[in-house]
Structures are given as C-alpha cells and as structure tokens.
Amino acid sequence: MEENKAGKYLTFKLAKEDYGISLLKVREIIGMMNITSVPRTPVFVKGVINLRGKVIPVTDLRLRFGLPESDYTDRTCIIVVEVKGPDTTLQMGIVVDAVTEVLPVKSNEIEPAPEFGARVDTRYIQGMTSLDGAVKILLDIDRVMTAEEIAELEKAA
C-alpha cells in the first residue's frame, strides 16, 4: 500500500506548515489572479477563475483546513490540480501561501498519518515525511474535498 505513494511531490507552505501533493495531480502553478466570487458557496470556496477560456473553481486551503485567513502576498499562488470526484474528474485551483519545491519521496520515507482520535478527520492525509529535519504533510488531494463539496464546485464552475 505504501508503494504507490512514492514519487515526486510539489511542496508548499500553508501558515507555518509544509505540505505536499503528488506531482501527477498538478496541472500548473499560476500567480494570483482576479477570482470571481460565487454566491452561496462554502466560505473556503473563493470563487472561480477563467483560465484560458475554462472556468475553474478556486478553494483557499487555509480556510478549508480551518487555519486563519491571511492576506495574499507576492508569493501566494494558485496550484491547478485534477481532483477525482464520484462521477467525474474536475480541475480546481487551490490557493497556497507559497510553493517551495519538487521533492522525490521514496516509499520508505513515508509514514502513515498519526491517529488523533475520532474527532480529527485525517482521511485527506496520505502520509507524513521528514526531510531535512522538517515534517511535510502529504495530502491526498482527491480527499481534501468531500463528494458533496466537489459536486458544489462543479455547479459553481
């Protein structure tokens, strides 16, 4: 099971923490751009962007994870990822504080997500890796959003 988690990860910062997502899920990285808000969406859904004629929903990962909102800086960017929903694959933008690097991660460097008890949802954590003395949380981007939230995002787009 751990074997399929090995590979290259795009790492990024959110608050003071380091996260990574499989490079295979990343379509592109773009600078912040004008986001059109969509009424009646969850607070973490910032709205939609027009990316070369394609309307893509954008989520602020800080807000999705319950972190405090932060002003966007010149390092803030949108990572366009491909998310598998229950019925379809959706391109979606996620706002992160800063992209850091692409890291190769071997399967023996990945540890399972720790158990925090029943009240903490860790389904979206693929595992953890400690490289250069810093722990990086590896996300399963397909599980960061629930099926209902993905359906809402599809409607927004």
N, C-alpha and C. Protein backbone atom coordinates (compact mmCIF):
# COMPACT_ATOMS: atom_id res chain seq x y z
N MET A 1 0.83 -1.19 0.00
CA MET A 1 0.00 0.00 0.00
C MET A 1 0.88 1.25 0.00
N GLU A 2 1.96 1.26 0.76
CA GLU A 2 2.82 2.43 0.82
C GLU A 2 3.51 2.68 -0.53
N GLU A 3 3.70 1.61 -1.32
CA GLU A 3 4.46 1.70 -2.56
C GLU A 3 3.91 2.75 -3.51
N ASN A 4 2.59 2.83 -3.67
CA ASN A 4 2.00 3.74 -4.64
C ASN A 4 2.09 5.21 -4.20
N LYS A 5 2.54 5.47 -3.00
CA LYS A 5 2.68 6.85 -2.52
C LYS A 5 4.03 7.45 -2.88
N ALA A 6 4.98 6.60 -3.25
CA ALA A 6 6.30 7.10 -3.62
C ALA A 6 6.19 7.91 -4.91
N GLY A 7 7.08 8.88 -5.07
CA GLY A 7 7.07 9.68 -6.29
C GLY A 7 7.47 11.10 -5.99
N LYS A 8 7.21 11.97 -6.96
CA LYS A 8 7.56 13.37 -6.79
C LYS A 8 6.37 14.13 -6.22
N TYR A 9 6.67 15.01 -5.27
CA TYR A 9 5.64 15.81 -4.63
C TYR A 9 5.98 17.29 -4.78
N LEU A 10 4.97 18.07 -5.13
CA LEU A 10 5.11 19.52 -5.13
C LEU A 10 4.85 19.96 -3.70
N THR A 11 5.81 20.64 -3.09
CA THR A 11 5.63 21.06 -1.70
C THR A 11 5.30 22.55 -1.65
N PHE A 12 4.53 22.90 -0.64
CA PHE A 12 4.09 24.28 -0.48
C PHE A 12 3.85 24.58 0.99
N LYS A 13 3.76 25.87 1.30
CA LYS A 13 3.53 26.33 2.67
C LYS A 13 2.09 26.78 2.84
N LEU A 14 1.56 26.48 4.01
CA LEU A 14 0.27 26.99 4.48
C LEU A 14 0.51 27.33 5.93
N ALA A 15 0.29 28.58 6.29
CA ALA A 15 0.65 29.05 7.63
C ALA A 15 2.13 28.73 7.80
N LYS A 16 2.50 28.03 8.84
CA LYS A 16 3.92 27.71 9.03
C LYS A 16 4.23 26.25 8.71
N GLU A 17 3.24 25.55 8.16
CA GLU A 17 3.41 24.11 7.89
C GLU A 17 3.77 23.85 6.44
N ASP A 18 4.46 22.71 6.23
CA ASP A 18 4.83 22.26 4.89
C ASP A 18 3.90 21.13 4.47
N TYR A 19 3.40 21.23 3.24
CA TYR A 19 2.52 20.21 2.69
C TYR A 19 3.07 19.77 1.34
N GLY A 20 2.59 18.63 0.87
CA GLY A 20 2.98 18.17 -0.45
C GLY A 20 1.81 17.48 -1.12
N ILE A 21 1.75 17.61 -2.45
CA ILE A 21 0.76 16.86 -3.22
C ILE A 21 1.50 16.21 -4.38
N SER A 22 1.00 15.05 -4.77
CA SER A 22 1.64 14.30 -5.85
C SER A 22 1.72 15.16 -7.10
N LEU A 23 2.88 15.20 -7.69
CA LEU A 23 3.11 15.99 -8.89
C LEU A 23 2.20 15.52 -10.03
N LEU A 24 1.78 14.27 -9.99
CA LEU A 24 0.89 13.74 -11.03
C LEU A 24 -0.48 14.41 -11.02
N LYS A 25 -0.86 14.99 -9.88
CA LYS A 25 -2.15 15.66 -9.75
C LYS A 25 -2.09 17.13 -10.17
N VAL A 26 -0.87 17.69 -10.27
CA VAL A 26 -0.70 19.11 -10.56
C VAL A 26 -0.73 19.35 -12.06
N ARG A 27 -1.58 20.28 -12.48
CA ARG A 27 -1.65 20.66 -13.89
C ARG A 27 -0.77 21.87 -14.16
N GLU A 28 -0.82 22.87 -13.28
CA GLU A 28 0.04 24.05 -13.43
C GLU A 28 0.00 24.88 -12.17
N ILE A 29 0.93 25.82 -12.10
CA ILE A 29 1.00 26.76 -10.98
C ILE A 29 0.90 28.15 -11.59
N ILE A 30 -0.03 28.95 -11.09
CA ILE A 30 -0.21 30.30 -11.63
C ILE A 30 -0.18 31.31 -10.48
N GLY A 31 0.19 32.53 -10.81
CA GLY A 31 0.16 33.60 -9.81
C GLY A 31 -1.28 33.94 -9.47
N MET A 32 -1.46 34.68 -8.40
CA MET A 32 -2.80 35.10 -8.01
C MET A 32 -3.40 35.92 -9.15
N MET A 33 -4.69 35.72 -9.37
CA MET A 33 -5.39 36.48 -10.37
C MET A 33 -6.76 36.83 -9.84
N ASN A 34 -7.51 37.60 -10.59
CA ASN A 34 -8.83 38.01 -10.15
C ASN A 34 -9.74 36.78 -10.01
N ILE A 35 -10.32 36.61 -8.82
CA ILE A 35 -11.22 35.49 -8.55
C ILE A 35 -12.64 36.05 -8.45
N THR A 36 -13.53 35.53 -9.26
CA THR A 36 -14.94 35.96 -9.24
C THR A 36 -15.67 35.14 -8.18
N SER A 37 -16.23 35.82 -7.17
CA SER A 37 -16.89 35.08 -6.11
C SER A 37 -18.23 34.53 -6.61
N VAL A 38 -18.62 33.41 -6.04
CA VAL A 38 -19.86 32.74 -6.40
C VAL A 38 -20.72 32.70 -5.14
N PRO A 39 -21.95 33.24 -5.21
CA PRO A 39 -22.79 33.26 -4.01
C PRO A 39 -23.18 31.85 -3.55
N ARG A 40 -23.43 31.75 -2.25
CA ARG A 40 -23.94 30.54 -1.62
C ARG A 40 -23.01 29.34 -1.77
N THR A 41 -21.70 29.61 -1.68
CA THR A 41 -20.73 28.52 -1.64
C THR A 41 -20.08 28.53 -0.26
N PRO A 42 -19.47 27.42 0.14
CA PRO A 42 -18.80 27.41 1.45
C PRO A 42 -17.75 28.50 1.54
N VAL A 43 -17.42 28.92 2.75
CA VAL A 43 -16.51 30.04 2.98
C VAL A 43 -15.13 29.80 2.36
N PHE A 44 -14.70 28.53 2.29
CA PHE A 44 -13.37 28.25 1.76
C PHE A 44 -13.32 28.28 0.23
N VAL A 45 -14.49 28.32 -0.42
CA VAL A 45 -14.52 28.44 -1.88
C VAL A 45 -14.44 29.92 -2.22
N LYS A 46 -13.30 30.32 -2.78
CA LYS A 46 -13.08 31.75 -3.08
C LYS A 46 -13.87 32.19 -4.30
N GLY A 47 -14.18 31.27 -5.20
CA GLY A 47 -14.93 31.59 -6.41
C GLY A 47 -14.38 30.83 -7.60
N VAL A 48 -14.40 31.50 -8.77
CA VAL A 48 -13.93 30.86 -9.99
C VAL A 48 -12.96 31.79 -10.73
N ILE A 49 -12.10 31.19 -11.53
CA ILE A 49 -11.20 31.96 -12.40
C ILE A 49 -11.43 31.49 -13.83
N ASN A 50 -11.07 32.33 -14.76
CA ASN A 50 -11.11 31.97 -16.17
C ASN A 50 -9.67 31.70 -16.58
N LEU A 51 -9.36 30.45 -16.82
CA LEU A 51 -8.01 30.06 -17.20
C LEU A 51 -8.04 29.62 -18.66
N ARG A 52 -7.60 30.52 -19.52
CA ARG A 52 -7.60 30.28 -20.96
C ARG A 52 -8.94 29.75 -21.46
N GLY A 53 -10.01 30.43 -21.06
CA GLY A 53 -11.34 30.08 -21.53
C GLY A 53 -12.05 28.98 -20.75
N LYS A 54 -11.38 28.39 -19.78
CA LYS A 54 -12.00 27.34 -18.96
C LYS A 54 -12.27 27.91 -17.57
N VAL A 55 -13.50 27.74 -17.09
CA VAL A 55 -13.86 28.24 -15.77
C VAL A 55 -13.49 27.18 -14.73
N ILE A 56 -12.66 27.59 -13.76
CA ILE A 56 -12.14 26.66 -12.75
C ILE A 56 -12.47 27.18 -11.36
N PRO A 57 -13.09 26.35 -10.50
CA PRO A 57 -13.34 26.77 -9.12
C PRO A 57 -12.03 26.86 -8.33
N VAL A 58 -12.00 27.80 -7.38
CA VAL A 58 -10.79 28.01 -6.57
C VAL A 58 -11.14 27.92 -5.10
N THR A 59 -10.36 27.13 -4.37
CA THR A 59 -10.53 26.94 -2.94
C THR A 59 -9.30 27.45 -2.21
N ASP A 60 -9.51 28.14 -1.09
CA ASP A 60 -8.39 28.57 -0.25
C ASP A 60 -8.12 27.45 0.76
N LEU A 61 -6.97 26.78 0.62
CA LEU A 61 -6.68 25.64 1.50
C LEU A 61 -6.55 26.04 2.96
N ARG A 62 -6.10 27.28 3.23
CA ARG A 62 -6.04 27.74 4.63
C ARG A 62 -7.43 27.63 5.26
N LEU A 63 -8.43 28.16 4.55
CA LEU A 63 -9.79 28.16 5.09
C LEU A 63 -10.37 26.75 5.12
N ARG A 64 -10.03 25.93 4.13
CA ARG A 64 -10.52 24.55 4.09
C ARG A 64 -10.05 23.78 5.31
N PHE A 65 -8.81 24.07 5.75
CA PHE A 65 -8.24 23.36 6.89
C PHE A 65 -8.50 24.07 8.21
N GLY A 66 -9.31 25.13 8.20
CA GLY A 66 -9.63 25.82 9.44
C GLY A 66 -8.51 26.69 9.98
N LEU A 67 -7.57 27.06 9.12
CA LEU A 67 -6.48 27.95 9.53
C LEU A 67 -6.95 29.40 9.40
N PRO A 68 -6.31 30.33 10.08
CA PRO A 68 -6.73 31.73 9.97
C PRO A 68 -6.48 32.27 8.56
N GLU A 69 -7.39 33.11 8.10
CA GLU A 69 -7.24 33.73 6.79
C GLU A 69 -6.03 34.65 6.81
N SER A 70 -5.38 34.80 5.68
CA SER A 70 -4.18 35.62 5.60
C SER A 70 -4.25 36.46 4.33
N ASP A 71 -3.66 37.65 4.39
CA ASP A 71 -3.59 38.47 3.18
C ASP A 71 -2.72 37.77 2.16
N TYR A 72 -3.10 37.89 0.90
CA TYR A 72 -2.30 37.31 -0.17
C TYR A 72 -1.06 38.17 -0.39
N THR A 73 0.07 37.52 -0.66
CA THR A 73 1.33 38.23 -0.90
C THR A 73 1.79 37.93 -2.32
N ASP A 74 2.97 38.43 -2.66
CA ASP A 74 3.50 38.14 -3.99
C ASP A 74 3.94 36.68 -4.13
N ARG A 75 4.02 35.95 -3.03
CA ARG A 75 4.36 34.52 -3.07
C ARG A 75 3.13 33.62 -3.13
N THR A 76 1.96 34.19 -2.78
CA THR A 76 0.72 33.43 -2.83
C THR A 76 0.44 33.02 -4.27
N CYS A 77 0.03 31.77 -4.45
CA CYS A 77 -0.27 31.35 -5.81
C CYS A 77 -1.39 30.31 -5.82
N ILE A 78 -1.83 30.00 -7.02
CA ILE A 78 -2.89 29.02 -7.22
C ILE A 78 -2.26 27.80 -7.89
N ILE A 79 -2.44 26.65 -7.26
CA ILE A 79 -2.00 25.39 -7.88
C ILE A 79 -3.25 24.78 -8.52
N VAL A 80 -3.20 24.58 -9.83
CA VAL A 80 -4.32 23.95 -10.53
C VAL A 80 -4.09 22.44 -10.47
N VAL A 81 -5.04 21.74 -9.84
CA VAL A 81 -4.93 20.29 -9.64
C VAL A 81 -6.11 19.59 -10.29
N GLU A 82 -5.94 18.31 -10.52
CA GLU A 82 -7.01 17.49 -11.05
C GLU A 82 -7.53 16.63 -9.90
N VAL A 83 -8.83 16.76 -9.61
CA VAL A 83 -9.44 16.06 -8.49
C VAL A 83 -10.46 15.07 -9.02
N LYS A 84 -10.37 13.83 -8.52
CA LYS A 84 -11.35 12.82 -8.91
C LYS A 84 -12.56 12.93 -8.00
N GLY A 85 -13.71 13.18 -8.60
CA GLY A 85 -14.97 13.20 -7.86
C GLY A 85 -15.64 11.85 -8.00
N PRO A 86 -16.87 11.73 -7.46
CA PRO A 86 -17.57 10.44 -7.55
C PRO A 86 -17.89 10.07 -9.00
N ASP A 87 -18.19 11.07 -9.83
CA ASP A 87 -18.62 10.78 -11.20
C ASP A 87 -17.68 11.33 -12.26
N THR A 88 -16.80 12.25 -11.89
CA THR A 88 -16.04 12.97 -12.89
C THR A 88 -14.70 13.43 -12.34
N THR A 89 -13.85 13.88 -13.22
CA THR A 89 -12.59 14.49 -12.81
C THR A 89 -12.74 15.99 -13.02
N LEU A 90 -12.32 16.77 -12.04
CA LEU A 90 -12.53 18.21 -12.06
C LEU A 90 -11.19 18.92 -11.90
N GLN A 91 -10.99 19.97 -12.71
CA GLN A 91 -9.83 20.81 -12.47
C GLN A 91 -10.25 21.86 -11.46
N MET A 92 -9.37 22.11 -10.50
CA MET A 92 -9.69 23.02 -9.41
C MET A 92 -8.41 23.75 -9.02
N GLY A 93 -8.56 25.00 -8.61
CA GLY A 93 -7.42 25.76 -8.12
C GLY A 93 -7.39 25.74 -6.61
N ILE A 94 -6.21 25.58 -6.03
CA ILE A 94 -6.08 25.69 -4.58
C ILE A 94 -5.08 26.81 -4.29
N VAL A 95 -5.50 27.72 -3.41
CA VAL A 95 -4.66 28.85 -3.04
C VAL A 95 -3.74 28.40 -1.91
N VAL A 96 -2.42 28.62 -2.10
CA VAL A 96 -1.43 28.29 -1.07
C VAL A 96 -0.57 29.51 -0.81
N ASP A 97 0.07 29.56 0.35
CA ASP A 97 0.90 30.71 0.72
C ASP A 97 2.12 30.85 -0.18
N ALA A 98 2.77 29.72 -0.49
CA ALA A 98 3.96 29.76 -1.34
C ALA A 98 4.30 28.33 -1.76
N VAL A 99 4.68 28.17 -3.02
CA VAL A 99 5.19 26.89 -3.49
C VAL A 99 6.67 26.86 -3.14
N THR A 100 7.15 25.72 -2.64
CA THR A 100 8.54 25.66 -2.23
C THR A 100 9.42 24.89 -3.21
N GLU A 101 9.12 23.60 -3.44
CA GLU A 101 9.98 22.81 -4.32
C GLU A 101 9.29 21.53 -4.73
N VAL A 102 9.94 20.81 -5.64
CA VAL A 102 9.50 19.46 -6.01
C VAL A 102 10.47 18.49 -5.34
N LEU A 103 9.92 17.56 -4.57
CA LEU A 103 10.75 16.60 -3.83
C LEU A 103 10.47 15.17 -4.26
N PRO A 104 11.52 14.40 -4.53
CA PRO A 104 11.31 12.96 -4.73
C PRO A 104 11.17 12.32 -3.35
N VAL A 105 10.14 11.50 -3.17
CA VAL A 105 9.93 10.84 -1.88
C VAL A 105 9.83 9.34 -2.13
N LYS A 106 10.67 8.58 -1.42
CA LYS A 106 10.64 7.12 -1.54
C LYS A 106 9.59 6.56 -0.58
N SER A 107 9.08 5.38 -0.92
CA SER A 107 8.02 4.79 -0.09
C SER A 107 8.48 4.56 1.35
N ASN A 108 9.77 4.25 1.57
CA ASN A 108 10.25 4.01 2.94
C ASN A 108 10.42 5.31 3.72
N GLU A 109 10.25 6.47 3.07
CA GLU A 109 10.34 7.76 3.76
C GLU A 109 8.96 8.28 4.17
N ILE A 110 7.91 7.52 3.82
CA ILE A 110 6.55 7.95 4.12
C ILE A 110 6.00 7.16 5.29
N GLU A 111 5.55 7.88 6.30
CA GLU A 111 4.92 7.25 7.46
C GLU A 111 3.43 7.52 7.42
N PRO A 112 2.62 6.61 7.97
CA PRO A 112 1.18 6.85 7.97
C PRO A 112 0.81 8.07 8.82
N ALA A 113 -0.34 8.65 8.51
CA ALA A 113 -0.83 9.79 9.30
C ALA A 113 -1.07 9.33 10.73
N PRO A 114 -0.68 10.13 11.72
CA PRO A 114 -0.92 9.74 13.11
C PRO A 114 -2.41 9.75 13.43
N GLU A 115 -2.77 8.97 14.42
CA GLU A 115 -4.17 8.95 14.88
C GLU A 115 -4.35 10.06 15.92
N PHE A 116 -5.35 10.90 15.70
CA PHE A 116 -5.63 11.98 16.65
C PHE A 116 -6.91 11.74 17.43
N GLY A 117 -7.55 10.61 17.18
CA GLY A 117 -8.83 10.34 17.83
C GLY A 117 -9.97 10.54 16.84
N ALA A 118 -11.16 10.21 17.26
CA ALA A 118 -12.33 10.19 16.38
C ALA A 118 -12.72 11.57 15.86
N ARG A 119 -12.42 12.63 16.59
CA ARG A 119 -12.89 13.97 16.20
C ARG A 119 -12.05 14.64 15.13
N VAL A 120 -10.87 14.08 14.84
CA VAL A 120 -10.00 14.70 13.84
C VAL A 120 -10.01 13.86 12.57
N ASP A 121 -10.42 14.48 11.46
CA ASP A 121 -10.51 13.80 10.18
C ASP A 121 -9.14 13.84 9.50
N THR A 122 -8.52 12.68 9.34
CA THR A 122 -7.20 12.63 8.69
C THR A 122 -7.28 11.86 7.37
N ARG A 123 -8.48 11.64 6.84
CA ARG A 123 -8.62 10.88 5.60
C ARG A 123 -7.85 11.51 4.45
N TYR A 124 -7.75 12.83 4.44
CA TYR A 124 -7.09 13.51 3.32
C TYR A 124 -5.56 13.52 3.46
N ILE A 125 -5.03 12.97 4.55
CA ILE A 125 -3.58 12.91 4.72
C ILE A 125 -3.10 11.55 4.21
N GLN A 126 -2.27 11.58 3.15
CA GLN A 126 -1.72 10.35 2.58
C GLN A 126 -0.65 9.77 3.47
N GLY A 127 0.08 10.66 4.10
CA GLY A 127 1.16 10.24 4.97
C GLY A 127 2.00 11.44 5.35
N MET A 128 3.07 11.17 6.07
CA MET A 128 3.98 12.23 6.51
C MET A 128 5.39 11.81 6.12
N THR A 129 6.20 12.80 5.80
CA THR A 129 7.60 12.51 5.53
C THR A 129 8.45 13.56 6.23
N SER A 130 9.60 13.14 6.71
CA SER A 130 10.50 14.07 7.37
C SER A 130 11.77 14.17 6.53
N LEU A 131 11.91 15.31 5.87
CA LEU A 131 13.08 15.54 5.04
C LEU A 131 13.76 16.81 5.50
N ASP A 132 15.07 16.78 5.58
CA ASP A 132 15.85 17.94 6.03
C ASP A 132 15.37 18.45 7.39
N GLY A 133 14.95 17.53 8.26
CA GLY A 133 14.53 17.90 9.60
C GLY A 133 13.15 18.52 9.71
N ALA A 134 12.44 18.68 8.58
CA ALA A 134 11.10 19.27 8.62
C ALA A 134 10.07 18.22 8.22
N VAL A 135 8.97 18.17 8.95
CA VAL A 135 7.90 17.24 8.62
C VAL A 135 7.02 17.87 7.53
N LYS A 136 6.75 17.09 6.50
CA LYS A 136 5.87 17.53 5.43
C LYS A 136 4.64 16.63 5.43
N ILE A 137 3.47 17.25 5.37
CA ILE A 137 2.21 16.51 5.36
C ILE A 137 1.84 16.26 3.90
N LEU A 138 1.76 15.00 3.52
CA LEU A 138 1.44 14.65 2.14
C LEU A 138 -0.07 14.48 2.01
N LEU A 139 -0.68 15.30 1.15
CA LEU A 139 -2.13 15.32 1.01
C LEU A 139 -2.61 14.41 -0.11
N ASP A 140 -3.74 13.77 0.12
CA ASP A 140 -4.46 13.08 -0.95
C ASP A 140 -5.47 14.09 -1.45
N ILE A 141 -5.14 14.80 -2.53
CA ILE A 141 -5.96 15.92 -2.98
C ILE A 141 -7.38 15.48 -3.36
N ASP A 142 -7.55 14.21 -3.74
CA ASP A 142 -8.89 13.71 -4.06
C ASP A 142 -9.79 13.65 -2.83
N ARG A 143 -9.19 13.62 -1.63
CA ARG A 143 -9.98 13.51 -0.40
C ARG A 143 -10.07 14.81 0.40
N VAL A 144 -9.37 15.85 -0.07
CA VAL A 144 -9.43 17.13 0.64
C VAL A 144 -10.86 17.68 0.59
N MET A 145 -11.54 17.45 -0.52
CA MET A 145 -12.94 17.86 -0.66
C MET A 145 -13.82 16.62 -0.54
N THR A 146 -14.99 16.77 0.05
CA THR A 146 -15.95 15.66 0.10
C THR A 146 -16.66 15.58 -1.25
N ALA A 147 -17.32 14.48 -1.50
CA ALA A 147 -18.07 14.30 -2.75
C ALA A 147 -19.10 15.42 -2.93
N GLU A 148 -19.76 15.81 -1.83
CA GLU A 148 -20.78 16.86 -1.90
C GLU A 148 -20.13 18.19 -2.27
N GLU A 149 -18.96 18.47 -1.70
CA GLU A 149 -18.26 19.72 -2.00
C GLU A 149 -17.79 19.76 -3.45
N ILE A 150 -17.34 18.62 -3.96
CA ILE A 150 -16.91 18.57 -5.35
C ILE A 150 -18.11 18.81 -6.27
N ALA A 151 -19.26 18.23 -5.92
CA ALA A 151 -20.47 18.46 -6.73
C ALA A 151 -20.84 19.94 -6.71
N GLU A 152 -20.69 20.60 -5.53
CA GLU A 152 -20.97 22.04 -5.43
C GLU A 152 -20.01 22.84 -6.30
N LEU A 153 -18.73 22.44 -6.29
CA LEU A 153 -17.73 23.14 -7.09
C LEU A 153 -18.03 23.00 -8.57
N GLU A 154 -18.50 21.82 -8.98
CA GLU A 154 -18.85 21.62 -10.38
C GLU A 154 -19.98 22.54 -10.78
N LYS A 155 -20.96 22.72 -9.87
CA LYS A 155 -22.07 23.63 -10.16
C LYS A 155 -21.57 25.06 -10.25
N ALA A 156 -20.63 25.43 -9.37
CA ALA A 156 -20.09 26.80 -9.37
C ALA A 156 -19.38 27.09 -10.68
N ALA A 157 -18.67 26.08 -11.20
CA ALA A 157 -17.90 26.28 -12.44
C ALA A 157 -18.85 26.28 -13.63
